[in-house]
Amino acid sequence: MIIEMRTYTTKPGKRSEFLEIFRTRSIPAHDEIGMKILGPFLSVEDADTFFFMRGFPDLPSREPMKAQFYEGSLWKDELENRVMPMLDHYEVVVVDDPENAIRW
C-alpha cells in the first residue's frame, strides 16, 4: 500500500471550518474512489495544524485515483475555491507500507 502522509496548516482560526468540509464532503468522495483516509489528527501544539494519511492500493493506482478526485466536479466546482483559500501551507510525504502495517 502507498501512503501519503499529509500535514496541513490552515490560516489562523480556519482549522475547524476546513475540517468540517473535509469530513463531510472530501472523505466520502475519497471513499467512493477507493482512496482510504486515516485521520484527521489534530495538533495539540498548533491550533491551525492537522495531519491525515491517504492510502492507495499501489503506486500505479495513485495518480489515476488522485486525478479522478481533483478533476471531478466536486473538487472543481465546489471544494477547490472553498478550501484552498483557508490553507496557509501543506506538505505531502509519500511512503510505502509493504507490510500493510496500517489497518484501515
Protein backbone atom coordinates (compact mmCIF):
# COMPACT_ATOMS: atom_id res chain seq x y z
CA MET A 1 0.00 0.00 0.00
CA ILE A 2 1.17 3.52 -0.79
CA ILE A 3 0.51 6.18 1.85
CA GLU A 4 0.57 9.95 1.58
CA MET A 5 1.38 11.43 4.98
CA ARG A 6 -0.19 14.88 4.77
CA THR A 7 0.34 17.89 7.05
CA TYR A 8 -1.98 20.86 6.63
CA THR A 9 -1.69 24.27 8.26
CA THR A 10 -4.73 26.46 7.86
CA LYS A 11 -4.85 30.21 8.09
CA PRO A 12 -5.41 31.31 11.70
CA GLY A 13 -8.78 30.20 13.04
CA LYS A 14 -9.81 28.24 9.93
CA ARG A 15 -8.99 24.67 11.02
CA SER A 16 -12.47 23.81 12.35
CA GLU A 17 -14.22 25.13 9.25
CA PHE A 18 -11.78 23.34 6.95
CA LEU A 19 -12.19 20.06 8.85
CA GLU A 20 -15.98 20.22 8.72
CA ILE A 21 -15.82 20.41 4.93
CA PHE A 22 -13.10 17.76 4.82
CA ARG A 23 -15.14 15.32 6.94
CA THR A 24 -18.50 15.88 5.25
CA ARG A 25 -17.53 16.37 1.60
CA SER A 26 -13.97 15.25 0.87
CA ILE A 27 -13.69 12.00 2.84
CA PRO A 28 -16.89 10.48 1.35
CA ALA A 29 -15.67 11.36 -2.16
CA HIS A 30 -12.30 9.72 -1.46
CA ASP A 31 -14.10 6.60 -0.21
CA GLU A 32 -16.16 6.39 -3.42
CA ILE A 33 -12.97 6.41 -5.48
CA GLY A 34 -11.28 3.82 -3.27
CA MET A 35 -8.76 6.05 -1.52
CA LYS A 36 -8.53 5.41 2.21
CA ILE A 37 -8.33 8.24 4.73
CA LEU A 38 -6.93 7.79 8.22
CA GLY A 39 -7.46 10.86 10.36
CA PRO A 40 -7.66 13.75 10.70
CA PHE A 41 -5.37 14.05 13.68
CA LEU A 42 -5.30 17.46 15.35
CA SER A 43 -2.06 19.03 16.52
CA VAL A 44 -2.15 19.75 20.25
CA GLU A 45 0.69 22.25 19.85
CA ASP A 46 -0.70 24.31 16.97
CA ALA A 47 -4.42 25.13 16.71
CA ASP A 48 -4.11 25.60 12.95
CA THR A 49 -2.39 22.31 12.04
CA PHE A 50 -3.72 18.81 11.41
CA PHE A 51 -2.50 15.60 9.86
CA PHE A 52 -4.02 12.73 7.92
CA MET A 53 -2.95 9.81 5.81
CA ARG A 54 -4.35 8.96 2.40
CA GLY A 55 -3.88 5.41 1.16
CA PHE A 56 -3.76 3.84 -2.30
CA PRO A 57 -3.65 0.15 -3.21
CA ASP A 58 -0.32 0.58 -5.04
CA LEU A 59 1.87 3.16 -6.75
CA PRO A 60 0.36 2.75 -10.26
CA SER A 61 -3.13 3.48 -8.92
CA ARG A 62 -2.12 6.67 -7.09
CA GLU A 63 -2.08 9.16 -9.96
CA PRO A 64 -5.28 7.94 -11.67
CA MET A 65 -7.17 7.94 -8.37
CA LYS A 66 -5.93 11.43 -7.49
CA ALA A 67 -6.89 12.63 -10.98
CA GLN A 68 -10.38 11.19 -10.56
CA PHE A 69 -10.82 13.30 -7.41
CA TYR A 70 -9.07 16.52 -8.49
CA GLU A 71 -10.54 16.56 -11.99
CA GLY A 72 -14.05 15.75 -10.75
CA SER A 73 -16.89 18.20 -10.40
CA LEU A 74 -16.91 18.11 -6.58
CA TRP A 75 -13.34 19.42 -6.42
CA LYS A 76 -13.53 21.74 -9.43
CA ASP A 77 -17.00 23.20 -8.82
CA GLU A 78 -17.21 23.24 -5.03
CA LEU A 79 -14.21 22.37 -2.92
CA GLU A 80 -11.18 23.90 -4.62
CA ASN A 81 -12.35 27.51 -4.37
CA ARG A 82 -13.78 26.93 -0.92
CA VAL A 83 -10.94 25.18 0.91
CA MET A 84 -7.74 26.29 -0.80
CA PRO A 85 -8.09 29.90 0.43
CA MET A 86 -8.26 28.51 4.00
CA LEU A 87 -4.86 26.82 3.72
CA ASP A 88 -1.63 28.50 4.64
CA HIS A 89 0.60 25.56 3.80
CA TYR A 90 0.59 21.81 3.24
CA GLU A 91 3.20 19.10 2.89
CA VAL A 92 2.97 15.59 1.50
CA VAL A 93 5.39 12.73 2.06
CA VAL A 94 4.76 9.54 0.07
CA VAL A 95 5.76 6.29 1.76
CA ASP A 96 5.40 2.59 1.08
CA ASP A 97 3.70 0.30 3.59
CA PRO A 98 4.93 -3.05 2.22
CA GLU A 99 3.91 -4.98 5.35
CA ASN A 100 0.41 -3.40 5.36
CA ALA A 101 1.10 -2.26 8.92
CA ILE A 102 -1.66 0.35 8.74
CA ARG A 103 -5.07 -1.19 9.28
CA TRP A 104 -7.86 0.85 7.71
